[in-house]
Amino acid sequence: MHKCFKLRKIFFLLQYNIVLLSSENNAFMKKILYACVIIASLASCAESYSVQGSSSISSLDGSKLYLKAIKNNELKNIDSCEVIHGQFRFAGLLDSVRMANLFMDDHSIMPIVLEQGEISIRIDNAKQSVAGTPLNERLYEFIDFHTQLQNELNELQHKENQMLLEGIDELTARQQTIGEANIIAQREDSLVTHFIIENFDNVLGPGVFMMLTSGYTYPVLTPQIEEIMSKATDYFKNDPYVKDYYRIAQENQARQTGLTDDAPATSAQPEHKVDTTEAEVLPQLQPQVPITTNVPQQ
């Protein structure tokens, strides 16, 4: 509020001076003052982000944290700070809302949306979360659901061992846990697919698509990706990462099926598998960030 008052005061003084100069017919000075008004107006419209973080992990004290994001097809540092007594802070100007990642050295800890407002990060051994702004809260609600499904999947091995201890034969136990794992995998695919579709027209759609595909050695077309792209909006399709991924994945599939001149000599390959000597690999534009959070153990 104080900043806005000061800007309004500047505008008033500039406009007052312009009126005075108009009476003196000083055309040159009027142009300068009009330019000042325009520059001040643009500055007043610039958005800013503020990130306040806290950590209960003592080993992070003294560590350097980085905010990194993709810009011009490169992963670049946006900001950095040091963790002091469990507290850290980032702040800066925004040219647009963007997805970023919090790093410690070269290790990605967690994703974050840089948007206008007061963003809060909490890091502890049990959970990492971001809150305070609309897109971050939407992202971490999704990540919490995804983590819950991953935990259910991880519990299946314990469940199978317990069934064996109870005297259930190994084949029966394995078939039951495999069936349950397939159901969880379908729920996970549905969760991710619907989240991307619901967020086609903001940074979360392309951002989670990047997380989904970051683990692939090279771009492939899976039924899940085909479904997403068949429903995609122009905003989503024209995202630089999505656009490059989909183009290269289509080219790799064409090589696999023998539809291009440089296809492998033998085309009898399993579905969705491409000979890596022939497949084009997507440039490493993205940090390797799965749909999870991960504090490095020290």
C-alpha atoms as a PDB file:
ATOM      1  CA  MET A   1       0.000   0.000   0.000  1.00  0.00           C
ATOM      2  CA  HIS A   2       2.857   2.395   0.912  1.00  0.00           C
ATOM      3  CA  LYS A   3       4.600   1.637  -2.384  1.00  0.00           C
ATOM      4  CA  CYS A   4       1.422   2.356  -4.348  1.00  0.00           C
ATOM      5  CA  PHE A   5       0.963   5.685  -2.516  1.00  0.00           C
ATOM      6  CA  LYS A   6       4.504   6.743  -3.371  1.00  0.00           C
ATOM      7  CA  LEU A   7       3.978   5.835  -7.034  1.00  0.00           C
ATOM      8  CA  ARG A   8       0.727   7.807  -7.184  1.00  0.00           C
ATOM      9  CA  LYS A   9       2.575  10.772  -5.687  1.00  0.00           C
ATOM     10  CA  ILE A  10       5.283  10.487  -8.360  1.00  0.00           C
ATOM     11  CA  PHE A  11       2.638  10.335 -11.106  1.00  0.00           C
ATOM     12  CA  PHE A  12       0.932  13.448  -9.712  1.00  0.00           C
ATOM     13  CA  LEU A  13       4.173  15.425  -9.578  1.00  0.00           C
ATOM     14  CA  LEU A  14       5.114  14.363 -13.108  1.00  0.00           C
ATOM     15  CA  GLN A  15       1.709  15.290 -14.454  1.00  0.00           C
ATOM     16  CA  TYR A  16       1.827  18.624 -12.600  1.00  0.00           C
ATOM     17  CA  ASN A  17       5.190  19.430 -14.157  1.00  0.00           C
ATOM     18  CA  ILE A  18       3.863  18.495 -17.590  1.00  0.00           C
ATOM     19  CA  VAL A  19       1.008  20.969 -17.140  1.00  0.00           C
ATOM     20  CA  LEU A  20       3.465  23.705 -16.181  1.00  0.00           C
ATOM     21  CA  LEU A  21       5.690  22.940 -19.144  1.00  0.00           C
ATOM     22  CA  SER A  22       2.705  22.910 -21.466  1.00  0.00           C
ATOM     23  CA  SER A  23       2.111  26.540 -20.639  1.00  0.00           C
ATOM     24  CA  GLU A  24       5.708  27.277 -21.609  1.00  0.00           C
ATOM     25  CA  ASN A  25       5.537  25.204 -24.845  1.00  0.00           C
ATOM     26  CA  ASN A  26       8.678  23.259 -23.979  1.00  0.00           C
ATOM     27  CA  ALA A  27       8.126  20.285 -26.308  1.00  0.00           C
ATOM     28  CA  PHE A  28      11.443  18.584 -25.547  1.00  0.00           C
ATOM     29  CA  MET A  29      10.958  18.504 -21.790  1.00  0.00           C
ATOM     30  CA  LYS A  30       7.383  17.351 -22.193  1.00  0.00           C
ATOM     31  CA  LYS A  31       8.599  14.290 -24.122  1.00  0.00           C
ATOM     32  CA  ILE A  32      11.083  13.448 -21.365  1.00  0.00           C
ATOM     33  CA  LEU A  33       8.460  13.719 -18.658  1.00  0.00           C
ATOM     34  CA  TYR A  34       5.945  11.641 -20.636  1.00  0.00           C
ATOM     35  CA  ALA A  35       8.634   8.952 -21.001  1.00  0.00           C
ATOM     36  CA  CYS A  36       9.176   9.034 -17.236  1.00  0.00           C
ATOM     37  CA  VAL A  37       5.454   8.524 -16.681  1.00  0.00           C
ATOM     38  CA  ILE A  38       5.437   5.493 -18.986  1.00  0.00           C
ATOM     39  CA  ILE A  39       8.514   3.940 -17.323  1.00  0.00           C
ATOM     40  CA  ALA A  40       7.072   4.483 -13.842  1.00  0.00           C
ATOM     41  CA  SER A  41       3.765   2.946 -14.946  1.00  0.00           C
ATOM     42  CA  LEU A  42       5.527  -0.169 -16.246  1.00  0.00           C
ATOM     43  CA  ALA A  43       7.525  -0.485 -13.042  1.00  0.00           C
ATOM     44  CA  SER A  44       4.357  -0.240 -10.962  1.00  0.00           C
ATOM     45  CA  CYS A  45       2.825  -3.141 -12.920  1.00  0.00           C
ATOM     46  CA  ALA A  46       5.767  -5.514 -12.309  1.00  0.00           C
ATOM     47  CA  GLU A  47       4.819  -8.455 -10.106  1.00  0.00           C
ATOM     48  CA  SER A  48       7.051  -9.795  -7.377  1.00  0.00           C
ATOM     49  CA  TYR A  49       7.430 -13.053  -5.484  1.00  0.00           C
ATOM     50  CA  SER A  50       8.359 -13.565  -1.861  1.00  0.00           C
ATOM     51  CA  VAL A  51       9.311 -16.975  -0.496  1.00  0.00           C
ATOM     52  CA  GLN A  52       9.710 -17.518   3.235  1.00  0.00           C
ATOM     53  CA  GLY A  53      11.025 -20.943   4.184  1.00  0.00           C
ATOM     54  CA  SER A  54      11.609 -22.878   7.364  1.00  0.00           C
ATOM     55  CA  SER A  55      13.227 -26.224   8.082  1.00  0.00           C
ATOM     56  CA  SER A  56      13.403 -28.432  11.150  1.00  0.00           C
ATOM     57  CA  ILE A  57      16.278 -30.464   9.648  1.00  0.00           C
ATOM     58  CA  SER A  58      19.408 -29.332  11.473  1.00  0.00           C
ATOM     59  CA  SER A  59      21.751 -30.677   8.785  1.00  0.00           C
ATOM     60  CA  LEU A  60      20.393 -28.072   6.343  1.00  0.00           C
ATOM     61  CA  ASP A  61      21.695 -25.182   8.447  1.00  0.00           C
ATOM     62  CA  GLY A  62      24.467 -23.397   6.588  1.00  0.00           C
ATOM     63  CA  SER A  63      23.490 -24.994   3.274  1.00  0.00           C
ATOM     64  CA  LYS A  64      23.056 -22.920   0.121  1.00  0.00           C
ATOM     65  CA  LEU A  65      19.670 -23.255  -1.555  1.00  0.00           C
ATOM     66  CA  TYR A  66      18.882 -22.271  -5.135  1.00  0.00           C
ATOM     67  CA  LEU A  67      15.738 -21.500  -7.085  1.00  0.00           C
ATOM     68  CA  LYS A  68      16.207 -22.818 -10.630  1.00  0.00           C
ATOM     69  CA  ALA A  69      13.920 -22.677 -13.660  1.00  0.00           C
ATOM     70  CA  ILE A  70      14.010 -23.338 -17.392  1.00  0.00           C
ATOM     71  CA  LYS A  71      14.752 -20.238 -19.429  1.00  0.00           C
ATOM     72  CA  ASN A  72      15.700 -20.230 -23.111  1.00  0.00           C
ATOM     73  CA  ASN A  73      16.034 -24.029 -23.022  1.00  0.00           C
ATOM     74  CA  GLU A  74      18.507 -23.950 -20.134  1.00  0.00           C
ATOM     75  CA  LEU A  75      18.201 -24.625 -16.422  1.00  0.00           C
ATOM     76  CA  LYS A  76      19.250 -21.347 -14.816  1.00  0.00           C
ATOM     77  CA  ASN A  77      19.645 -20.010 -11.305  1.00  0.00           C
ATOM     78  CA  ILE A  78      16.981 -17.452 -10.437  1.00  0.00           C
ATOM     79  CA  ASP A  79      17.923 -16.791  -6.833  1.00  0.00           C
ATOM     80  CA  SER A  80      19.940 -18.240  -3.966  1.00  0.00           C
ATOM     81  CA  CYS A  81      20.106 -17.954  -0.195  1.00  0.00           C
ATOM     82  CA  GLU A  82      21.579 -19.638   2.859  1.00  0.00           C
ATOM     83  CA  VAL A  83      19.698 -21.541   5.534  1.00  0.00           C
ATOM     84  CA  ILE A  84      20.335 -19.793   8.852  1.00  0.00           C
ATOM     85  CA  HIS A  85      18.866 -21.217  12.064  1.00  0.00           C
ATOM     86  CA  GLY A  86      16.303 -23.112  10.027  1.00  0.00           C
ATOM     87  CA  GLN A  87      15.113 -20.045   8.092  1.00  0.00           C
ATOM     88  CA  PHE A  88      15.630 -18.960   4.482  1.00  0.00           C
ATOM     89  CA  ARG A  89      14.116 -16.406   2.136  1.00  0.00           C
ATOM     90  CA  PHE A  90      13.935 -15.623  -1.584  1.00  0.00           C
ATOM     91  CA  ALA A  91      12.448 -12.479  -3.144  1.00  0.00           C
ATOM     92  CA  GLY A  92      12.478 -10.887  -6.591  1.00  0.00           C
ATOM     93  CA  LEU A  93      10.568  -9.545  -9.558  1.00  0.00           C
ATOM     94  CA  LEU A  94       8.512 -11.684 -11.932  1.00  0.00           C
ATOM     95  CA  ASP A  95       8.159 -11.188 -15.671  1.00  0.00           C
ATOM     96  CA  SER A  96       5.615 -14.039 -15.675  1.00  0.00           C
ATOM     97  CA  VAL A  97       4.351 -16.858 -13.479  1.00  0.00           C
ATOM     98  CA  ARG A  98       6.659 -19.859 -13.824  1.00  0.00           C
ATOM     99  CA  MET A  99       7.442 -23.291 -12.474  1.00  0.00           C
ATOM    100  CA  ALA A 100      10.742 -23.571 -10.639  1.00  0.00           C
ATOM    101  CA  ASN A 101      12.534 -26.052  -8.418  1.00  0.00           C
ATOM    102  CA  LEU A 102      14.254 -25.679  -5.085  1.00  0.00           C
ATOM    103  CA  PHE A 103      17.757 -27.131  -5.216  1.00  0.00           C
ATOM    104  CA  MET A 104      20.513 -27.828  -2.735  1.00  0.00           C
ATOM    105  CA  ASP A 105      23.670 -27.901  -4.845  1.00  0.00           C
ATOM    106  CA  ASP A 106      22.662 -30.117  -7.805  1.00  0.00           C
ATOM    107  CA  HIS A 107      19.995 -32.022  -5.894  1.00  0.00           C
ATOM    108  CA  SER A 108      16.381 -31.086  -6.581  1.00  0.00           C
ATOM    109  CA  ILE A 109      14.360 -30.944  -3.379  1.00  0.00           C
ATOM    110  CA  MET A 110      10.905 -29.855  -4.480  1.00  0.00           C
ATOM    111  CA  PRO A 111       8.924 -27.976  -7.148  1.00  0.00           C
ATOM    112  CA  ILE A 112       7.483 -24.528  -6.554  1.00  0.00           C
ATOM    113  CA  VAL A 113       5.396 -22.049  -8.552  1.00  0.00           C
ATOM    114  CA  LEU A 114       6.826 -18.538  -8.566  1.00  0.00           C
ATOM    115  CA  GLU A 115       3.787 -16.291  -8.544  1.00  0.00           C
ATOM    116  CA  GLN A 116       2.771 -13.038  -6.925  1.00  0.00           C
ATOM    117  CA  GLY A 117       2.110 -13.267  -3.218  1.00  0.00           C
ATOM    118  CA  GLU A 118       3.626 -14.529   0.006  1.00  0.00           C
ATOM    119  CA  ILE A 119       4.816 -18.094  -0.570  1.00  0.00           C
ATOM    120  CA  SER A 120       5.733 -20.281   2.406  1.00  0.00           C
ATOM    121  CA  ILE A 121       7.888 -23.417   2.291  1.00  0.00           C
ATOM    122  CA  ARG A 122       8.082 -25.967   5.074  1.00  0.00           C
ATOM    123  CA  ILE A 123      10.752 -28.685   5.062  1.00  0.00           C
ATOM    124  CA  ASP A 124      10.981 -31.457   7.618  1.00  0.00           C
ATOM    125  CA  ASN A 125      11.744 -35.170   7.651  1.00  0.00           C
ATOM    126  CA  ALA A 126       8.114 -36.179   7.286  1.00  0.00           C
ATOM    127  CA  LYS A 127       6.953 -33.788   4.594  1.00  0.00           C
ATOM    128  CA  GLN A 128       7.867 -30.875   2.346  1.00  0.00           C
ATOM    129  CA  SER A 129       5.137 -28.436   1.370  1.00  0.00           C
ATOM    130  CA  VAL A 130       4.490 -25.076  -0.272  1.00  0.00           C
ATOM    131  CA  ALA A 131       1.488 -22.885   0.517  1.00  0.00           C
ATOM    132  CA  GLY A 132       0.240 -19.306   0.483  1.00  0.00           C
ATOM    133  CA  THR A 133      -0.603 -18.809  -3.189  1.00  0.00           C
ATOM    134  CA  PRO A 134      -3.316 -20.425  -5.363  1.00  0.00           C
ATOM    135  CA  LEU A 135      -1.201 -22.440  -7.813  1.00  0.00           C
ATOM    136  CA  ASN A 136       1.192 -23.698  -5.138  1.00  0.00           C
ATOM    137  CA  GLU A 137      -1.678 -24.908  -2.984  1.00  0.00           C
ATOM    138  CA  ARG A 138      -3.259 -26.634  -5.995  1.00  0.00           C
ATOM    139  CA  LEU A 139       0.092 -28.261  -6.871  1.00  0.00           C
ATOM    140  CA  TYR A 140       0.740 -29.570  -3.365  1.00  0.00           C
ATOM    141  CA  GLU A 141      -2.779 -30.890  -2.928  1.00  0.00           C
ATOM    142  CA  PHE A 142      -2.067 -32.952  -6.051  1.00  0.00           C
ATOM    143  CA  ILE A 143       1.385 -34.024  -4.792  1.00  0.00           C
ATOM    144  CA  ASP A 144      -0.131 -35.133  -1.471  1.00  0.00           C
ATOM    145  CA  PHE A 145      -2.640 -37.369  -3.300  1.00  0.00           C
ATOM    146  CA  HIS A 146       0.146 -38.739  -5.478  1.00  0.00           C
ATOM    147  CA  THR A 147       2.350 -39.448  -2.456  1.00  0.00           C
ATOM    148  CA  GLN A 148      -0.540 -41.266  -0.791  1.00  0.00           C
ATOM    149  CA  LEU A 149      -0.824 -43.588  -3.805  1.00  0.00           C
ATOM    150  CA  GLN A 150       2.933 -44.173  -3.792  1.00  0.00           C
ATOM    151  CA  ASN A 151       2.768 -45.111  -0.112  1.00  0.00           C
ATOM    152  CA  GLU A 152      -0.049 -47.575  -0.835  1.00  0.00           C
ATOM    153  CA  LEU A 153       2.106 -49.120  -3.556  1.00  0.00           C
ATOM    154  CA  ASN A 154       5.109 -49.388  -1.240  1.00  0.00           C
ATOM    155  CA  GLU A 155       2.984 -51.110   1.392  1.00  0.00           C
ATOM    156  CA  LEU A 156       2.146 -53.990  -0.934  1.00  0.00           C
ATOM    157  CA  GLN A 157       5.515 -55.681  -0.406  1.00  0.00           C
ATOM    158  CA  HIS A 158       4.922 -55.652   3.338  1.00  0.00           C
ATOM    159  CA  LYS A 159       1.410 -56.988   2.755  1.00  0.00           C
ATOM    160  CA  GLU A 160       2.726 -59.846   0.611  1.00  0.00           C
ATOM    161  CA  ASN A 161       5.297 -60.797   3.262  1.00  0.00           C
ATOM    162  CA  GLN A 162       2.571 -60.779   5.916  1.00  0.00           C
ATOM    163  CA  MET A 163       0.393 -63.082   3.795  1.00  0.00           C
ATOM    164  CA  LEU A 164       3.280 -65.543   3.484  1.00  0.00           C
ATOM    165  CA  LEU A 165       3.766 -65.518   7.253  1.00  0.00           C
ATOM    166  CA  GLU A 166       0.077 -66.330   7.640  1.00  0.00           C
ATOM    167  CA  GLY A 167       0.524 -69.456   5.531  1.00  0.00           C
ATOM    168  CA  ILE A 168      -0.923 -68.235   2.231  1.00  0.00           C
ATOM    169  CA  ASP A 169       0.975 -69.793  -0.674  1.00  0.00           C
ATOM    170  CA  GLU A 170       3.409 -67.579  -2.594  1.00  0.00           C
ATOM    171  CA  LEU A 171       1.565 -67.699  -5.932  1.00  0.00           C
ATOM    172  CA  THR A 172      -1.752 -66.619  -4.393  1.00  0.00           C
ATOM    173  CA  ALA A 173      -0.088 -63.838  -2.413  1.00  0.00           C
ATOM    174  CA  ARG A 174       1.789 -62.594  -5.479  1.00  0.00           C
ATOM    175  CA  GLN A 175      -1.300 -62.604  -7.711  1.00  0.00           C
ATOM    176  CA  GLN A 176      -3.296 -60.636  -5.143  1.00  0.00           C
ATOM    177  CA  THR A 177      -0.635 -57.968  -4.644  1.00  0.00           C
ATOM    178  CA  ILE A 178      -0.031 -57.659  -8.393  1.00  0.00           C
ATOM    179  CA  GLY A 179      -3.750 -57.109  -8.918  1.00  0.00           C
ATOM    180  CA  GLU A 180      -3.804 -54.428  -6.236  1.00  0.00           C
ATOM    181  CA  ALA A 181      -0.670 -52.807  -7.696  1.00  0.00           C
ATOM    182  CA  ASN A 182      -2.322 -52.570 -11.104  1.00  0.00           C
ATOM    183  CA  ILE A 183      -5.361 -50.845  -9.583  1.00  0.00           C
ATOM    184  CA  ILE A 184      -3.133 -48.326  -7.778  1.00  0.00           C
ATOM    185  CA  ALA A 185      -1.162 -47.694 -10.985  1.00  0.00           C
ATOM    186  CA  GLN A 186      -4.417 -46.992 -12.858  1.00  0.00           C
ATOM    187  CA  ARG A 187      -5.501 -44.558 -10.133  1.00  0.00           C
ATOM    188  CA  GLU A 188      -2.118 -42.846 -10.321  1.00  0.00           C
ATOM    189  CA  ASP A 189      -2.294 -42.506 -14.121  1.00  0.00           C
ATOM    190  CA  SER A 190      -5.825 -41.116 -13.850  1.00  0.00           C
ATOM    191  CA  LEU A 191      -4.790 -38.618 -11.150  1.00  0.00           C
ATOM    192  CA  VAL A 192      -1.841 -37.305 -13.181  1.00  0.00           C
ATOM    193  CA  THR A 193      -3.747 -37.218 -16.476  1.00  0.00           C
ATOM    194  CA  HIS A 194      -6.737 -35.346 -15.067  1.00  0.00           C
ATOM    195  CA  PHE A 195      -4.542 -32.876 -13.204  1.00  0.00           C
ATOM    196  CA  ILE A 196      -2.611 -31.993 -16.377  1.00  0.00           C
ATOM    197  CA  ILE A 197      -5.830 -31.663 -18.387  1.00  0.00           C
ATOM    198  CA  GLU A 198      -7.439 -29.449 -15.736  1.00  0.00           C
ATOM    199  CA  ASN A 199      -4.359 -27.193 -15.798  1.00  0.00           C
ATOM    200  CA  PHE A 200      -3.676 -27.029 -19.544  1.00  0.00           C
ATOM    201  CA  ASP A 201      -3.829 -23.232 -19.548  1.00  0.00           C
ATOM    202  CA  ASN A 202      -1.538 -22.421 -16.648  1.00  0.00           C
ATOM    203  CA  VAL A 203       2.030 -23.394 -15.743  1.00  0.00           C
ATOM    204  CA  LEU A 204       0.973 -26.462 -13.742  1.00  0.00           C
ATOM    205  CA  GLY A 205      -0.084 -28.456 -16.823  1.00  0.00           C
ATOM    206  CA  PRO A 206       3.270 -28.239 -18.661  1.00  0.00           C
ATOM    207  CA  GLY A 207       5.126 -28.400 -15.347  1.00  0.00           C
ATOM    208  CA  VAL A 208       3.606 -31.711 -14.224  1.00  0.00           C
ATOM    209  CA  PHE A 209       3.939 -33.056 -17.790  1.00  0.00           C
ATOM    210  CA  MET A 210       7.662 -32.354 -17.449  1.00  0.00           C
ATOM    211  CA  MET A 211       7.733 -34.223 -14.124  1.00  0.00           C
ATOM    212  CA  LEU A 212       5.846 -37.135 -15.698  1.00  0.00           C
ATOM    213  CA  THR A 213       8.286 -37.490 -18.588  1.00  0.00           C
ATOM    214  CA  SER A 214      11.559 -36.506 -16.882  1.00  0.00           C
ATOM    215  CA  GLY A 215      12.342 -40.111 -15.972  1.00  0.00           C
ATOM    216  CA  TYR A 216      12.270 -41.352 -19.568  1.00  0.00           C
ATOM    217  CA  THR A 217      15.599 -41.982 -21.272  1.00  0.00           C
ATOM    218  CA  TYR A 218      14.160 -40.519 -24.468  1.00  0.00           C
ATOM    219  CA  PRO A 219      10.721 -39.239 -25.542  1.00  0.00           C
ATOM    220  CA  VAL A 220       8.138 -41.976 -26.076  1.00  0.00           C
ATOM    221  CA  LEU A 221       4.421 -41.956 -26.804  1.00  0.00           C
ATOM    222  CA  THR A 222       2.501 -43.879 -24.174  1.00  0.00           C
ATOM    223  CA  PRO A 223      -1.313 -44.238 -24.121  1.00  0.00           C
ATOM    224  CA  GLN A 224      -1.344 -41.716 -21.260  1.00  0.00           C
ATOM    225  CA  ILE A 225       0.627 -39.125 -23.252  1.00  0.00           C
ATOM    226  CA  GLU A 226      -1.501 -39.736 -26.353  1.00  0.00           C
ATOM    227  CA  GLU A 227      -4.653 -39.110 -24.297  1.00  0.00           C
ATOM    228  CA  ILE A 228      -3.225 -35.882 -22.886  1.00  0.00           C
ATOM    229  CA  MET A 229      -2.136 -34.573 -26.283  1.00  0.00           C
ATOM    230  CA  SER A 230      -5.452 -35.493 -27.933  1.00  0.00           C
ATOM    231  CA  LYS A 231      -7.237 -33.118 -25.541  1.00  0.00           C
ATOM    232  CA  ALA A 232      -4.550 -30.447 -25.267  1.00  0.00           C
ATOM    233  CA  THR A 233      -5.227 -26.746 -25.749  1.00  0.00           C
ATOM    234  CA  ASP A 234      -3.035 -24.534 -27.924  1.00  0.00           C
ATOM    235  CA  TYR A 235      -1.444 -22.993 -24.834  1.00  0.00           C
ATOM    236  CA  PHE A 236      -0.306 -26.429 -23.651  1.00  0.00           C
ATOM    237  CA  LYS A 237       0.808 -27.650 -27.091  1.00  0.00           C
ATOM    238  CA  ASN A 238       2.906 -24.531 -27.633  1.00  0.00           C
ATOM    239  CA  ASP A 239       4.793 -24.798 -24.361  1.00  0.00           C
ATOM    240  CA  PRO A 240       8.461 -25.170 -25.490  1.00  0.00           C
ATOM    241  CA  TYR A 241       9.118 -28.363 -23.523  1.00  0.00           C
ATOM    242  CA  VAL A 242       5.813 -30.026 -24.443  1.00  0.00           C
ATOM    243  CA  LYS A 243       6.213 -29.059 -28.093  1.00  0.00           C
ATOM    244  CA  ASP A 244       9.757 -30.452 -28.345  1.00  0.00           C
ATOM    245  CA  TYR A 245       8.904 -33.604 -26.414  1.00  0.00           C
ATOM    246  CA  TYR A 246       5.883 -34.447 -28.540  1.00  0.00           C
ATOM    247  CA  ARG A 247       7.679 -33.734 -31.826  1.00  0.00           C
ATOM    248  CA  ILE A 248      10.656 -35.929 -30.946  1.00  0.00           C
ATOM    249  CA  ALA A 249       8.439 -38.687 -29.510  1.00  0.00           C
ATOM    250  CA  GLN A 250       6.502 -38.792 -32.803  1.00  0.00           C
ATOM    251  CA  GLU A 251       9.741 -38.988 -34.766  1.00  0.00           C
ATOM    252  CA  ASN A 252      11.000 -41.820 -32.553  1.00  0.00           C
ATOM    253  CA  GLN A 253       7.753 -43.723 -33.010  1.00  0.00           C
ATOM    254  CA  ALA A 254       8.015 -43.262 -36.769  1.00  0.00           C
ATOM    255  CA  ARG A 255      11.516 -44.754 -36.681  1.00  0.00           C
ATOM    256  CA  GLN A 256      10.234 -47.633 -34.605  1.00  0.00           C
ATOM    257  CA  THR A 257       7.425 -48.469 -37.020  1.00  0.00           C
ATOM    258  CA  GLY A 258       9.582 -48.005 -40.124  1.00  0.00           C
ATOM    259  CA  LEU A 259       7.738 -44.953 -41.453  1.00  0.00           C
ATOM    260  CA  THR A 260      10.913 -42.939 -42.031  1.00  0.00           C
ATOM    261  CA  ASP A 261      13.922 -43.549 -44.247  1.00  0.00           C
ATOM    262  CA  ASP A 262      16.319 -43.795 -41.315  1.00  0.00           C
ATOM    263  CA  ALA A 263      14.317 -46.516 -39.568  1.00  0.00           C
ATOM    264  CA  PRO A 264      16.218 -49.446 -38.032  1.00  0.00           C
ATOM    265  CA  ALA A 265      16.804 -52.380 -40.343  1.00  0.00           C
ATOM    266  CA  THR A 266      14.712 -54.604 -38.087  1.00  0.00           C
ATOM    267  CA  SER A 267      11.416 -53.114 -36.964  1.00  0.00           C
ATOM    268  CA  ALA A 268      10.077 -56.004 -34.878  1.00  0.00           C
ATOM    269  CA  GLN A 269      10.332 -54.304 -31.479  1.00  0.00           C
ATOM    270  CA  PRO A 270       8.053 -54.338 -28.450  1.00  0.00           C
ATOM    271  CA  GLU A 271       5.459 -51.578 -28.291  1.00  0.00           C
ATOM    272  CA  HIS A 272       6.749 -48.193 -27.073  1.00  0.00           C
ATOM    273  CA  LYS A 273      10.366 -49.367 -27.214  1.00  0.00           C
ATOM    274  CA  VAL A 274      12.801 -47.645 -29.553  1.00  0.00           C
ATOM    275  CA  ASP A 275      16.346 -48.688 -30.363  1.00  0.00           C
ATOM    276  CA  THR A 276      18.406 -46.046 -28.551  1.00  0.00           C
ATOM    277  CA  THR A 277      20.960 -46.008 -31.363  1.00  0.00           C
ATOM    278  CA  GLU A 278      18.219 -44.707 -33.658  1.00  0.00           C
ATOM    279  CA  ALA A 279      16.016 -42.780 -31.240  1.00  0.00           C
ATOM    280  CA  GLU A 280      16.473 -39.056 -30.902  1.00  0.00           C
ATOM    281  CA  VAL A 281      17.011 -38.017 -27.314  1.00  0.00           C
ATOM    282  CA  LEU A 282      15.369 -34.884 -25.987  1.00  0.00           C
ATOM    283  CA  PRO A 283      17.922 -32.300 -24.869  1.00  0.00           C
ATOM    284  CA  GLN A 284      18.103 -32.248 -21.090  1.00  0.00           C
ATOM    285  CA  LEU A 285      16.037 -29.120 -20.603  1.00  0.00           C
ATOM    286  CA  GLN A 286      14.420 -30.271 -17.397  1.00  0.00           C
ATOM    287  CA  PRO A 287      15.782 -31.147 -13.980  1.00  0.00           C
ATOM    288  CA  GLN A 288      15.113 -34.781 -13.131  1.00  0.00           C
ATOM    289  CA  VAL A 289      12.127 -34.061 -10.894  1.00  0.00           C
ATOM    290  CA  PRO A 290       9.660 -36.867 -10.278  1.00  0.00           C
ATOM    291  CA  ILE A 291       6.210 -36.095  -8.898  1.00  0.00           C
ATOM    292  CA  THR A 292       7.444 -36.039  -5.328  1.00  0.00           C
ATOM    293  CA  THR A 293       9.592 -34.122  -2.878  1.00  0.00           C
ATOM    294  CA  ASN A 294      12.993 -35.268  -1.731  1.00  0.00           C
ATOM    295  CA  VAL A 295      15.273 -33.793   0.925  1.00  0.00           C
ATOM    296  CA  PRO A 296      18.868 -35.059   0.566  1.00  0.00           C
ATOM    297  CA  GLN A 297      20.103 -37.097   3.482  1.00  0.00           C
ATOM    298  CA  GLN A 298      23.282 -35.782   5.049  1.00  0.00           C
END
